[in-house]
Amino acid sequence: MIAHRIAAILAFTVGLVPAALAQSVPSSCHAIADALPKAMFASFSGPVRLAAFGRDEVKITYAHHSTYVIESPAGVTIATDYSGYAGPIVPRVVTMNNAHSTHYTNFPDPGIETVLRGWNPDGGPARHQVTVDDAYIRNVPTDTRGYGGDVPDGNSIFVFEIAGLCIGHLGHLHHLLTDGDFAELGRLDIVMVPVDGSWTLSQEGMAETVARLQSRIVLPMHRFAGPIERFLQRLPDFAVERRTERSLTVSMRSLPDRPTIIVLDGV
């Protein structure tokens, strides 16, 4: 409750600076690791702009597999885990969490302005801190499993800070997050979660991760053909909503009081 009261205050401010200065943008979602496991939230200071009245809603649409399209109040469109298709639009920004054929493409549409890969082709972790109009995007690298063993920094969890909301996409998460990972992520009001239970983290492990995050909205993805009920049963304290639409519109004001798993049409 304390974290979300802090979030409500921060909802009125969104850092906006050119992408070249993105390193100086303070994160309203970021946590400080020295208080783990009860992390403190960083203070918000620096370049800010008051959100326009009535323009605080974010639209999220399920496209396919693990691709969601996020639309900011200013009209910035972001496609997560982009593998070449994001529905009928050409997004301004795409993220690619993992170098797997269903999670990235080497041939993104030339109309896409910003392409963010969750791995570094030159080795080492990928690091992104990018501002596009009213959207601030950063990443937290995680390891992946490979045929020859673990692949360091093979995946990224992307965090999108828009209209005071902290939106996370876990990507192709393969392992339980560490205290340090949770601290880097900070508060996530909305989280997109792979629920296949095999190619990514086990459903038990994913449910443990989701339970610790305590996001107000959980959006399943990366389901394949398996029954989603097995994942839902592992989170009995979470409410469940099944929608007949592929989209939802949300703001800080409309976040549910209780952590809620929302299964959009097509998932």
Protein backbone atom coordinates (compact mmCIF):
# COMPACT_ATOMS: atom_id res chain seq x y z
CA MET A 1 0.00 0.00 0.00
CA ILE A 2 2.82 2.45 0.85
CA ALA A 3 4.48 1.82 -2.49
CA HIS A 4 1.27 2.51 -4.37
CA ARG A 5 0.63 5.71 -2.41
CA ILE A 6 4.06 6.84 -3.47
CA ALA A 7 3.19 5.79 -7.02
CA ALA A 8 0.04 7.89 -6.95
CA ILE A 9 2.12 10.97 -6.15
CA LEU A 10 4.57 10.14 -8.90
CA ALA A 11 1.76 9.60 -11.39
CA PHE A 12 1.60 13.31 -12.10
CA THR A 13 5.18 13.51 -13.34
CA VAL A 14 6.88 11.97 -16.36
CA GLY A 15 10.51 12.69 -17.20
CA LEU A 16 10.99 14.02 -20.73
CA VAL A 17 14.39 14.74 -22.23
CA PRO A 18 15.99 13.96 -25.60
CA ALA A 19 17.17 10.37 -26.05
CA ALA A 20 20.78 11.50 -25.94
CA LEU A 21 20.20 12.72 -22.37
CA ALA A 22 18.22 9.68 -21.28
CA GLN A 23 20.88 8.65 -18.76
CA SER A 24 19.90 11.67 -16.63
CA VAL A 25 16.21 10.78 -16.47
CA PRO A 26 15.26 9.59 -12.98
CA SER A 27 13.14 6.47 -12.81
CA SER A 28 9.90 6.72 -10.86
CA CYS A 29 9.78 2.91 -10.62
CA HIS A 30 13.32 2.10 -9.61
CA ALA A 31 14.20 0.64 -6.22
CA ILE A 32 17.31 0.99 -4.07
CA ALA A 33 18.96 -2.36 -3.32
CA ASP A 34 20.34 -1.56 0.13
CA ALA A 35 17.00 -2.22 1.84
CA LEU A 36 16.38 -5.66 0.36
CA PRO A 37 14.11 -7.52 0.52
CA LYS A 38 12.00 -4.48 1.50
CA ALA A 39 13.40 -2.07 -1.06
CA MET A 40 12.90 1.68 -0.74
CA PHE A 41 11.69 3.61 -3.78
CA ALA A 42 14.01 6.21 -5.22
CA SER A 43 12.99 9.84 -5.00
CA PHE A 44 11.90 11.48 -8.25
CA SER A 45 13.83 14.60 -9.15
CA GLY A 46 15.25 16.22 -12.24
CA PRO A 47 13.60 17.15 -15.56
CA VAL A 48 9.86 16.54 -15.30
CA ARG A 49 6.63 17.62 -17.00
CA LEU A 50 3.13 17.61 -15.56
CA ALA A 51 0.91 15.13 -17.36
CA ALA A 52 -1.85 16.78 -19.35
CA PHE A 53 -5.25 16.60 -17.67
CA GLY A 54 -7.25 13.66 -18.99
CA ARG A 55 -4.24 12.29 -20.89
CA ASP A 56 -3.03 9.77 -18.34
CA GLU A 57 -4.31 6.55 -19.88
CA VAL A 58 -2.20 3.85 -21.51
CA LYS A 59 -3.66 1.38 -24.01
CA ILE A 60 -2.26 -2.17 -24.14
CA THR A 61 -3.22 -4.57 -26.94
CA TYR A 62 -2.33 -8.23 -27.27
CA ALA A 63 -0.91 -8.84 -30.76
CA HIS A 64 0.34 -12.46 -30.64
CA HIS A 65 2.65 -14.89 -28.83
CA SER A 66 4.56 -12.53 -26.48
CA THR A 67 3.98 -9.29 -28.38
CA TYR A 68 1.90 -6.59 -26.75
CA VAL A 69 1.49 -3.13 -28.25
CA ILE A 70 1.63 -0.29 -25.72
CA GLU A 71 0.27 3.13 -26.70
CA SER A 72 1.20 6.13 -24.56
CA PRO A 73 -1.00 9.21 -23.96
CA ALA A 74 1.15 11.10 -26.51
CA GLY A 75 0.57 8.37 -29.10
CA VAL A 76 3.93 6.58 -28.89
CA THR A 77 3.41 2.95 -29.96
CA ILE A 78 5.75 0.29 -28.57
CA ALA A 79 5.73 -3.38 -29.60
CA THR A 80 7.26 -5.82 -27.13
CA ASP A 81 9.14 -8.96 -28.20
CA TYR A 82 8.86 -7.89 -31.82
CA SER A 83 9.53 -10.66 -34.35
CA GLY A 84 8.31 -8.79 -37.43
CA TYR A 85 4.58 -8.47 -36.76
CA ALA A 86 2.68 -6.24 -34.37
CA GLY A 87 -0.75 -6.14 -35.94
CA PRO A 88 -1.93 -3.54 -38.46
CA ILE A 89 0.41 -0.77 -37.28
CA VAL A 90 4.08 0.06 -37.67
CA PRO A 91 5.20 0.85 -34.09
CA ARG A 92 7.56 3.72 -33.36
CA VAL A 93 9.56 1.57 -30.91
CA VAL A 94 10.14 -2.17 -30.71
CA THR A 95 11.88 -4.25 -28.08
CA MET A 96 13.30 -7.72 -28.69
CA ASN A 97 13.91 -9.54 -25.44
CA ASN A 98 15.73 -12.63 -26.63
CA ALA A 99 17.67 -13.73 -29.73
CA HIS A 100 15.18 -16.45 -30.62
CA SER A 101 13.33 -16.61 -33.92
CA THR A 102 9.92 -15.95 -32.36
CA HIS A 103 11.20 -13.03 -30.29
CA TYR A 104 13.26 -10.93 -32.70
CA THR A 105 13.94 -10.13 -36.34
CA ASN A 106 17.01 -8.91 -38.17
CA PHE A 107 14.73 -7.17 -40.65
CA PRO A 108 12.46 -4.79 -38.73
CA ASP A 109 10.15 -2.55 -40.76
CA PRO A 110 12.18 0.47 -41.92
CA GLY A 111 9.42 2.73 -40.57
CA ILE A 112 10.31 1.76 -36.98
CA GLU A 113 12.24 4.61 -35.38
CA THR A 114 13.83 2.82 -32.41
CA VAL A 115 14.86 -0.86 -32.16
CA LEU A 116 16.05 -2.10 -28.76
CA ARG A 117 17.61 -5.55 -28.49
CA GLY A 118 17.66 -7.31 -25.14
CA TRP A 119 21.07 -8.86 -25.74
CA ASN A 120 24.37 -7.38 -26.86
CA PRO A 121 25.68 -8.95 -30.12
CA ASP A 122 29.17 -7.77 -29.15
CA GLY A 123 29.03 -9.53 -25.77
CA GLY A 124 28.22 -8.41 -22.27
CA PRO A 125 24.87 -7.08 -21.11
CA ALA A 126 22.67 -4.84 -23.22
CA ARG A 127 21.90 -1.53 -21.52
CA HIS A 128 19.13 0.79 -22.64
CA GLN A 129 17.81 4.05 -21.19
CA VAL A 130 15.77 5.73 -23.89
CA THR A 131 13.15 8.47 -23.87
CA VAL A 132 10.67 8.75 -26.75
CA ASP A 133 8.25 11.61 -26.16
CA ASP A 134 6.35 10.61 -22.99
CA ALA A 135 7.76 7.06 -22.73
CA TYR A 136 10.92 6.18 -20.81
CA ILE A 137 12.28 2.69 -21.57
CA ARG A 138 15.00 0.78 -19.73
CA ASN A 139 16.03 -2.86 -19.38
CA VAL A 140 17.26 -5.36 -16.81
CA PRO A 141 19.41 -8.16 -18.32
CA THR A 142 18.90 -11.78 -17.20
CA ASP A 143 20.60 -15.04 -18.17
CA THR A 144 19.10 -17.70 -20.43
CA ARG A 145 19.53 -21.43 -20.87
CA GLY A 146 21.36 -22.71 -23.93
CA TYR A 147 22.26 -26.09 -25.33
CA GLY A 148 25.79 -25.62 -24.04
CA GLY A 149 24.78 -24.23 -20.66
CA ASP A 150 23.69 -20.87 -19.35
CA VAL A 151 24.01 -17.83 -21.61
CA PRO A 152 24.86 -14.73 -19.54
CA ASP A 153 22.66 -11.71 -20.30
CA GLY A 154 20.80 -13.51 -23.08
CA ASN A 155 17.43 -11.93 -22.21
CA SER A 156 16.20 -8.55 -21.05
CA ILE A 157 13.23 -7.55 -18.97
CA PHE A 158 12.10 -4.24 -20.44
CA VAL A 159 10.43 -1.62 -18.25
CA PHE A 160 8.25 1.08 -19.77
CA GLU A 161 7.55 4.11 -17.60
CA ILE A 162 4.55 5.94 -19.03
CA ALA A 163 2.02 8.31 -17.43
CA GLY A 164 3.26 7.33 -13.96
CA LEU A 165 2.73 3.62 -14.67
CA CYS A 166 5.56 1.11 -14.43
CA ILE A 167 5.00 -1.60 -17.04
CA GLY A 168 7.30 -4.62 -17.25
CA HIS A 169 7.70 -7.35 -19.87
CA LEU A 170 9.58 -10.38 -18.51
CA GLY A 171 10.54 -11.60 -21.97
CA HIS A 172 11.98 -15.12 -22.21
CA LEU A 173 12.74 -15.40 -18.49
CA HIS A 174 14.53 -18.65 -17.67
CA HIS A 175 15.41 -18.37 -13.98
CA LEU A 176 14.16 -17.03 -10.68
CA LEU A 177 15.04 -13.39 -10.19
CA THR A 178 17.61 -12.43 -7.61
CA ASP A 179 17.19 -9.72 -4.98
CA GLY A 180 19.38 -7.56 -7.18
CA ASP A 181 17.08 -8.14 -10.16
CA PHE A 182 14.03 -7.14 -8.14
CA ALA A 183 15.83 -4.02 -6.96
CA GLU A 184 16.73 -3.06 -10.54
CA LEU A 185 13.16 -3.60 -11.68
CA GLY A 186 11.60 -1.60 -8.88
CA ARG A 187 7.83 -1.25 -8.74
CA LEU A 188 5.89 -2.85 -11.61
CA ASP A 189 2.23 -1.87 -11.71
CA ILE A 190 1.64 -4.02 -14.79
CA VAL A 191 3.68 -7.06 -15.77
CA MET A 192 3.58 -9.26 -18.88
CA VAL A 193 4.42 -12.84 -17.97
CA PRO A 194 5.28 -15.98 -20.02
CA VAL A 195 3.14 -18.85 -18.77
CA ASP A 196 4.18 -21.80 -20.97
CA GLY A 197 6.04 -23.44 -18.08
CA SER A 198 8.59 -25.21 -20.26
CA TRP A 199 10.49 -23.06 -22.75
CA THR A 200 10.72 -20.33 -20.12
CA LEU A 201 10.63 -20.57 -16.33
CA SER A 202 8.44 -23.27 -14.77
CA GLN A 203 4.90 -22.23 -13.90
CA GLU A 204 5.74 -22.71 -10.23
CA GLY A 205 8.76 -20.43 -10.57
CA MET A 206 6.83 -17.88 -12.60
CA ALA A 207 4.03 -17.81 -10.04
CA GLU A 208 6.61 -17.27 -7.29
CA THR A 209 8.05 -14.36 -9.28
CA VAL A 210 4.63 -12.82 -9.89
CA ALA A 211 3.65 -13.22 -6.24
CA ARG A 212 6.74 -11.32 -5.12
CA LEU A 213 6.24 -8.53 -7.68
CA GLN A 214 2.66 -7.95 -6.47
CA SER A 215 1.78 -6.06 -9.66
CA ARG A 216 -1.76 -4.74 -9.81
CA ILE A 217 -2.24 -6.20 -13.31
CA VAL A 218 -0.68 -9.41 -14.62
CA LEU A 219 -0.96 -10.05 -18.37
CA PRO A 220 -0.16 -13.65 -19.40
CA MET A 221 1.59 -14.35 -22.72
CA HIS A 222 3.80 -16.99 -24.39
CA ARG A 223 1.17 -19.57 -23.62
CA PHE A 224 1.35 -22.01 -26.55
CA ALA A 225 -1.44 -24.58 -26.28
CA GLY A 226 -1.18 -25.47 -22.61
CA PRO A 227 -4.09 -24.83 -20.25
CA ILE A 228 -3.69 -21.51 -18.49
CA GLU A 229 -5.60 -22.80 -15.45
CA ARG A 230 -2.50 -24.49 -14.04
CA PHE A 231 -0.78 -21.12 -13.86
CA LEU A 232 -3.85 -19.38 -12.43
CA GLN A 233 -4.23 -22.00 -9.71
CA ARG A 234 -0.75 -21.20 -8.41
CA LEU A 235 -1.85 -17.66 -7.56
CA PRO A 236 -5.02 -18.20 -5.50
CA ASP A 237 -4.82 -14.75 -3.88
CA PHE A 238 -4.96 -12.99 -7.26
CA ALA A 239 -8.26 -12.04 -8.88
CA VAL A 240 -8.82 -13.30 -12.44
CA GLU A 241 -10.59 -11.49 -15.26
CA ARG A 242 -11.16 -13.00 -18.69
CA ARG A 243 -11.79 -10.34 -21.32
CA THR A 244 -13.47 -10.67 -24.71
CA GLU A 245 -11.38 -7.77 -26.06
CA ARG A 246 -7.73 -7.79 -27.10
CA SER A 247 -7.10 -4.37 -25.53
CA LEU A 248 -7.35 -2.68 -22.16
CA THR A 249 -6.98 0.96 -21.20
CA VAL A 250 -5.48 1.73 -17.81
CA SER A 251 -4.23 4.63 -15.72
CA MET A 252 -2.86 4.99 -12.21
CA ARG A 253 -6.38 5.89 -11.10
CA SER A 254 -7.94 2.75 -12.57
CA LEU A 255 -5.47 0.15 -11.30
CA PRO A 256 -7.31 -2.55 -9.31
CA ASP A 257 -6.78 -2.55 -5.54
CA ARG A 258 -6.13 -6.29 -5.59
CA PRO A 259 -3.51 -7.96 -7.83
CA THR A 260 -5.46 -9.14 -10.86
CA ILE A 261 -4.59 -11.49 -13.73
CA ILE A 262 -6.26 -10.24 -16.90
CA VAL A 263 -6.47 -12.73 -19.76
CA LEU A 264 -7.10 -10.78 -22.94
CA ASP A 265 -8.76 -12.29 -26.00
CA GLY A 266 -6.29 -14.29 -28.07
CA VAL A 267 -3.95 -15.21 -25.22
